Amino acid sequence: MNFFQAIFLGLIQGLTEFIPVSSSGHLVLAQHFLGIEGGGDISFEIFMHLGTLVAVIIFFHRQIWDLIMSLFSWKSGLDGENHRKNRSIMAYLIIATLATGFFYLIFGDLLKGAYDKPLFVAFMLLFTGILIFVSDFVKNTSTPSSNIGIIKSVLIGLAQGIAIIPGISRSGSTISASLFCGVKRKDAAHFSFLLSIPAILAANIGELESLMALDMSVLHIYLAGLVASFVSGYMVIAFLIRLIQSGSLKYFAYYVWLISLLAITLILIG
């Protein structure tokens, strides 16, 4: 993998991490069809996820700060109620993250092998398309993320865990699960983005040993991918939130189905 290929993959990562089309699926297929060496390199993909992690933190820095400060503020009145809601969101984020971690501990090693199976990934993209297409028809409700509840938090966390499979969109699965659980659209998007923070951090910690052993001669290549994923990822977040609120995710389903069917056809005919 060279410097410009890393930038290209970083742009794909950033553009597809937050929109519900599966960044991992796109990376696997891009590396396969373009013949980029390093396909299935989990360390490189985790490195690029750092770029999108920084994008989420910067974009939501005020909300993240409010959530943290609410842990130390127990006032009464209107401000106290806002802090209580923030603490509830924090609790549900923790519960969902634990559910994701539980799923990963059981199935993580088994599912990592899918990164070397582009045909399987292409079929998973079909499933992602169906998921987001159906979720777009879920009626918008008034339930905020502060009222998700424990059971629904677990379900959303498990949906994020399933997205370990390349081709299954993390944002698509968590946003769809939130909508199916009755969370209003804007809150579903915000909850999904915030939920990605501990998931990406955990993934990087899990690959810390391989990242520490990274050959310094390729560090600039990895950093190029990171920066590209950050820039493109940051640009996508606000755009996606507006689409979710307007109920326009089905257009991504059409795109995912097209990419999936095209990839399946090309792989089968060699």
Protein backbone atom coordinates (compact mmCIF):
# COMPACT_ATOMS: atom_id res chain seq x y z
CA MET A 1 0.00 0.00 0.00
CA ASN A 2 1.42 3.38 -0.93
CA PHE A 3 0.80 6.91 0.35
CA PHE A 4 -1.90 7.84 -2.18
CA GLN A 5 -3.71 4.53 -1.79
CA ALA A 6 -3.85 5.18 1.97
CA ILE A 7 -5.39 8.61 1.35
CA PHE A 8 -7.94 7.07 -1.02
CA LEU A 9 -8.90 4.41 1.53
CA GLY A 10 -9.01 7.06 4.26
CA LEU A 11 -11.47 9.11 2.22
CA ILE A 12 -13.62 6.02 1.72
CA GLN A 13 -13.48 5.30 5.45
CA GLY A 14 -14.49 8.82 6.45
CA LEU A 15 -17.25 9.12 3.86
CA THR A 16 -18.77 5.72 4.62
CA GLU A 17 -18.21 5.42 8.40
CA PHE A 18 -21.19 7.55 9.34
CA ILE A 19 -23.50 7.15 6.38
CA PRO A 20 -25.22 3.73 6.58
CA VAL A 21 -23.33 1.94 3.82
CA SER A 22 -20.63 0.07 5.81
CA SER A 23 -17.14 1.56 5.74
CA SER A 24 -15.54 -1.83 6.41
CA GLY A 25 -17.46 -3.38 3.52
CA HIS A 26 -16.33 -0.63 1.15
CA LEU A 27 -12.72 -0.97 2.29
CA VAL A 28 -12.70 -4.73 1.77
CA LEU A 29 -14.19 -4.43 -1.72
CA ALA A 30 -11.99 -1.46 -2.68
CA GLN A 31 -8.84 -3.31 -1.63
CA HIS A 32 -9.99 -6.45 -3.45
CA PHE A 33 -10.89 -4.87 -6.79
CA LEU A 34 -8.02 -2.37 -6.85
CA GLY A 35 -5.50 -5.00 -5.85
CA ILE A 36 -4.23 -2.94 -2.93
CA GLU A 37 -1.87 -4.97 -0.78
CA GLY A 38 -2.79 -4.95 2.87
CA GLY A 39 -6.40 -5.99 2.33
CA GLY A 40 -7.73 -7.35 5.59
CA ASP A 41 -5.17 -5.31 7.55
CA ILE A 42 -7.14 -4.75 10.74
CA SER A 43 -4.46 -2.44 12.15
CA PHE A 44 -4.72 -0.06 9.21
CA GLU A 45 -8.51 0.01 9.42
CA ILE A 46 -8.38 0.67 13.17
CA PHE A 47 -5.92 3.50 12.52
CA MET A 48 -8.32 5.12 10.07
CA HIS A 49 -11.12 4.72 12.60
CA LEU A 50 -9.09 7.02 14.84
CA GLY A 51 -9.62 9.73 12.25
CA THR A 52 -13.38 9.33 12.34
CA LEU A 53 -13.24 9.15 16.15
CA VAL A 54 -11.59 12.57 16.27
CA ALA A 55 -14.23 13.87 13.85
CA VAL A 56 -17.06 12.72 16.16
CA ILE A 57 -15.41 14.16 19.27
CA ILE A 58 -14.83 17.56 17.66
CA PHE A 59 -18.30 17.76 16.11
CA PHE A 60 -20.08 16.77 19.34
CA HIS A 61 -17.60 18.33 21.78
CA ARG A 62 -20.23 20.54 23.42
CA GLN A 63 -22.69 17.70 23.96
CA ILE A 64 -19.90 15.44 25.21
CA TRP A 65 -18.78 18.14 27.63
CA ASP A 66 -22.36 18.64 28.88
CA LEU A 67 -22.72 14.88 29.44
CA ILE A 68 -19.51 14.76 31.46
CA MET A 69 -20.36 17.84 33.54
CA SER A 70 -23.80 16.40 34.35
CA LEU A 71 -22.06 13.63 36.26
CA PHE A 72 -20.90 16.24 38.77
CA SER A 73 -23.97 18.46 38.91
CA TRP A 74 -26.98 17.49 41.03
CA LYS A 75 -28.90 20.76 41.09
CA SER A 76 -32.67 20.98 41.28
CA GLY A 77 -34.97 22.86 38.92
CA LEU A 78 -34.75 23.07 35.14
CA ASP A 79 -30.97 22.76 35.01
CA GLY A 80 -31.16 19.79 37.33
CA GLU A 81 -33.66 18.07 35.04
CA ASN A 82 -31.35 18.59 32.06
CA HIS A 83 -28.47 17.12 34.01
CA ARG A 84 -30.64 14.15 34.99
CA LYS A 85 -31.47 13.50 31.34
CA ASN A 86 -27.78 13.70 30.43
CA ARG A 87 -26.92 11.18 33.15
CA SER A 88 -29.60 8.86 31.77
CA ILE A 89 -28.08 9.13 28.29
CA MET A 90 -24.65 8.35 29.74
CA ALA A 91 -26.05 5.30 31.52
CA TYR A 92 -27.72 4.00 28.36
CA LEU A 93 -24.52 4.58 26.36
CA ILE A 94 -22.60 2.52 28.92
CA ILE A 95 -25.19 -0.28 28.85
CA ALA A 96 -25.20 -0.35 25.03
CA THR A 97 -21.39 -0.38 24.98
CA LEU A 98 -21.29 -3.32 27.41
CA ALA A 99 -23.73 -5.20 25.16
CA THR A 100 -21.45 -4.52 22.17
CA GLY A 101 -18.43 -5.70 24.14
CA PHE A 102 -20.23 -8.88 25.20
CA PHE A 103 -21.09 -9.66 21.57
CA TYR A 104 -17.51 -8.99 20.48
CA LEU A 105 -16.02 -11.26 23.15
CA ILE A 106 -18.17 -14.15 21.94
CA PHE A 107 -18.05 -13.67 18.18
CA GLY A 108 -15.18 -11.22 17.52
CA ASP A 109 -12.44 -13.72 16.60
CA LEU A 110 -14.82 -15.73 14.44
CA LEU A 111 -16.04 -12.72 12.46
CA LYS A 112 -12.60 -11.23 11.80
CA GLY A 113 -12.05 -13.85 9.12
CA ALA A 114 -14.80 -12.23 7.05
CA TYR A 115 -12.40 -9.43 6.08
CA ASP A 116 -10.74 -11.86 3.67
CA LYS A 117 -14.04 -12.89 2.02
CA PRO A 118 -15.16 -10.13 -0.38
CA LEU A 119 -18.07 -12.20 -1.74
CA PHE A 120 -19.46 -12.67 1.77
CA VAL A 121 -19.00 -8.93 2.41
CA ALA A 122 -20.94 -8.11 -0.76
CA PHE A 123 -23.88 -10.21 0.43
CA MET A 124 -23.78 -8.48 3.82
CA LEU A 125 -24.16 -5.16 1.99
CA LEU A 126 -27.45 -6.49 0.65
CA PHE A 127 -28.60 -7.01 4.23
CA THR A 128 -27.51 -3.48 5.18
CA GLY A 129 -29.60 -2.10 2.33
CA ILE A 130 -32.69 -3.98 3.50
CA LEU A 131 -32.17 -2.79 7.08
CA ILE A 132 -31.91 0.91 6.32
CA PHE A 133 -34.66 0.75 3.68
CA VAL A 134 -37.14 -0.67 6.18
CA SER A 135 -36.07 1.70 8.97
CA ASP A 136 -36.80 4.71 6.78
CA PHE A 137 -40.50 3.89 6.98
CA VAL A 138 -40.57 3.82 10.78
CA LYS A 139 -42.76 6.64 12.03
CA ASN A 140 -40.89 9.41 13.81
CA THR A 141 -41.73 9.49 17.53
CA SER A 142 -41.15 11.89 20.39
CA THR A 143 -39.16 9.51 22.61
CA PRO A 144 -35.82 11.14 23.48
CA SER A 145 -32.60 9.21 23.99
CA SER A 146 -32.83 9.97 27.72
CA ASN A 147 -35.85 7.60 27.88
CA ILE A 148 -34.48 4.68 25.89
CA GLY A 149 -34.48 2.26 28.80
CA ILE A 150 -32.21 -0.65 29.67
CA ILE A 151 -33.64 -3.33 27.35
CA LYS A 152 -33.63 -1.09 24.29
CA SER A 153 -30.10 0.07 25.13
CA VAL A 154 -28.99 -3.56 25.12
CA LEU A 155 -30.67 -4.16 21.75
CA ILE A 156 -28.96 -1.11 20.22
CA GLY A 157 -25.63 -2.25 21.65
CA LEU A 158 -26.08 -5.72 20.18
CA ALA A 159 -26.93 -4.12 16.82
CA GLN A 160 -23.61 -2.32 16.98
CA GLY A 161 -21.91 -5.60 17.83
CA ILE A 162 -23.34 -7.26 14.72
CA ALA A 163 -21.68 -4.51 12.68
CA ILE A 164 -18.34 -6.18 13.44
CA ILE A 165 -19.19 -8.13 10.30
CA PRO A 166 -17.77 -6.21 7.32
CA GLY A 167 -20.61 -5.19 5.07
CA ILE A 168 -22.95 -4.53 8.00
CA SER A 169 -23.07 -0.79 8.61
CA ARG A 170 -22.39 0.26 12.21
CA SER A 171 -24.27 3.53 11.87
CA GLY A 172 -27.01 1.86 9.85
CA SER A 173 -27.53 -0.90 12.40
CA THR A 174 -27.52 1.37 15.47
CA ILE A 175 -29.67 4.09 13.91
CA SER A 176 -32.14 1.50 12.59
CA ALA A 177 -32.27 -0.28 15.94
CA SER A 178 -32.89 3.05 17.69
CA LEU A 179 -35.70 3.90 15.28
CA PHE A 180 -37.25 0.43 15.69
CA CYS A 181 -37.09 1.01 19.46
CA GLY A 182 -39.10 4.22 19.09
CA VAL A 183 -36.34 6.81 19.54
CA LYS A 184 -36.97 10.05 17.65
CA ARG A 185 -34.84 10.45 14.56
CA LYS A 186 -32.49 13.24 15.63
CA ASP A 187 -31.78 11.55 18.97
CA ALA A 188 -31.23 8.22 17.19
CA ALA A 189 -28.53 9.83 15.08
CA HIS A 190 -26.85 11.53 18.04
CA PHE A 191 -26.97 8.36 20.14
CA SER A 192 -25.40 6.38 17.30
CA PHE A 193 -22.54 8.87 16.90
CA LEU A 194 -21.86 9.03 20.64
CA LEU A 195 -22.01 5.24 20.88
CA SER A 196 -19.26 4.99 18.26
CA ILE A 197 -16.76 6.72 20.57
CA PRO A 198 -16.29 3.94 23.17
CA ALA A 199 -16.55 1.29 20.42
CA ILE A 200 -13.71 2.81 18.37
CA LEU A 201 -11.63 3.42 21.50
CA ALA A 202 -12.09 -0.20 22.57
CA ALA A 203 -11.14 -1.43 19.10
CA ASN A 204 -7.92 0.59 19.22
CA ILE A 205 -7.09 -0.68 22.70
CA GLY A 206 -7.72 -4.23 21.50
CA GLU A 207 -5.24 -3.73 18.65
CA LEU A 208 -2.75 -1.75 20.77
CA GLU A 209 -0.11 -4.47 20.64
CA SER A 210 -0.11 -4.62 16.84
CA LEU A 211 -0.21 -0.83 16.61
CA MET A 212 2.80 -0.55 18.93
CA ALA A 213 4.65 -3.04 16.73
CA LEU A 214 3.88 -1.05 13.61
CA ASP A 215 6.84 -0.58 11.27
CA MET A 216 7.81 3.10 11.52
CA SER A 217 8.60 3.14 7.81
CA VAL A 218 4.86 2.92 7.04
CA LEU A 219 3.73 5.29 9.80
CA HIS A 220 3.36 8.20 7.36
CA ILE A 221 1.09 6.02 5.21
CA TYR A 222 -1.13 5.19 8.19
CA LEU A 223 -1.20 8.87 9.23
CA ALA A 224 -2.26 9.86 5.71
CA GLY A 225 -5.22 7.50 5.97
CA LEU A 226 -6.07 8.87 9.41
CA VAL A 227 -6.10 12.51 8.27
CA ALA A 228 -8.14 11.70 5.15
CA SER A 229 -10.72 9.80 7.20
CA PHE A 230 -10.98 12.67 9.70
CA VAL A 231 -11.59 15.35 7.06
CA SER A 232 -14.14 13.38 5.05
CA GLY A 233 -15.83 12.02 8.19
CA TYR A 234 -16.31 15.45 9.73
CA MET A 235 -17.92 16.74 6.53
CA VAL A 236 -20.44 13.89 6.50
CA ILE A 237 -21.85 14.08 10.06
CA ALA A 238 -24.11 17.15 9.77
CA PHE A 239 -25.28 16.02 6.34
CA LEU A 240 -26.37 12.63 7.68
CA ILE A 241 -28.24 14.08 10.66
CA ARG A 242 -30.39 16.15 8.31
CA LEU A 243 -31.09 13.11 6.13
CA ILE A 244 -32.14 11.00 9.11
CA GLN A 245 -34.55 13.68 10.29
CA SER A 246 -36.11 13.92 6.84
CA GLY A 247 -36.45 10.14 6.47
CA SER A 248 -34.23 9.87 3.40
CA LEU A 249 -32.04 6.89 4.31
CA LYS A 250 -33.71 4.71 1.68
CA TYR A 251 -31.59 6.37 -1.00
CA PHE A 252 -28.51 4.84 0.65
CA ALA A 253 -30.25 1.47 0.40
CA TYR A 254 -30.46 1.87 -3.37
CA TYR A 255 -26.77 2.71 -3.50
CA VAL A 256 -25.77 -0.22 -1.27
CA TRP A 257 -27.83 -2.67 -3.33
CA LEU A 258 -26.20 -1.40 -6.53
CA ILE A 259 -22.67 -1.75 -5.13
CA SER A 260 -23.47 -5.16 -3.67
CA LEU A 261 -24.96 -6.62 -6.85
CA LEU A 262 -22.14 -5.17 -8.95
CA ALA A 263 -19.51 -6.64 -6.63
CA ILE A 264 -21.21 -10.04 -6.50
CA THR A 265 -21.41 -10.16 -10.29
CA LEU A 266 -17.76 -9.17 -10.79
CA ILE A 267 -16.52 -11.64 -8.18
CA LEU A 268 -18.52 -14.55 -9.58
CA ILE A 269 -17.39 -13.96 -13.14
CA GLY A 270 -13.81 -13.54 -11.95
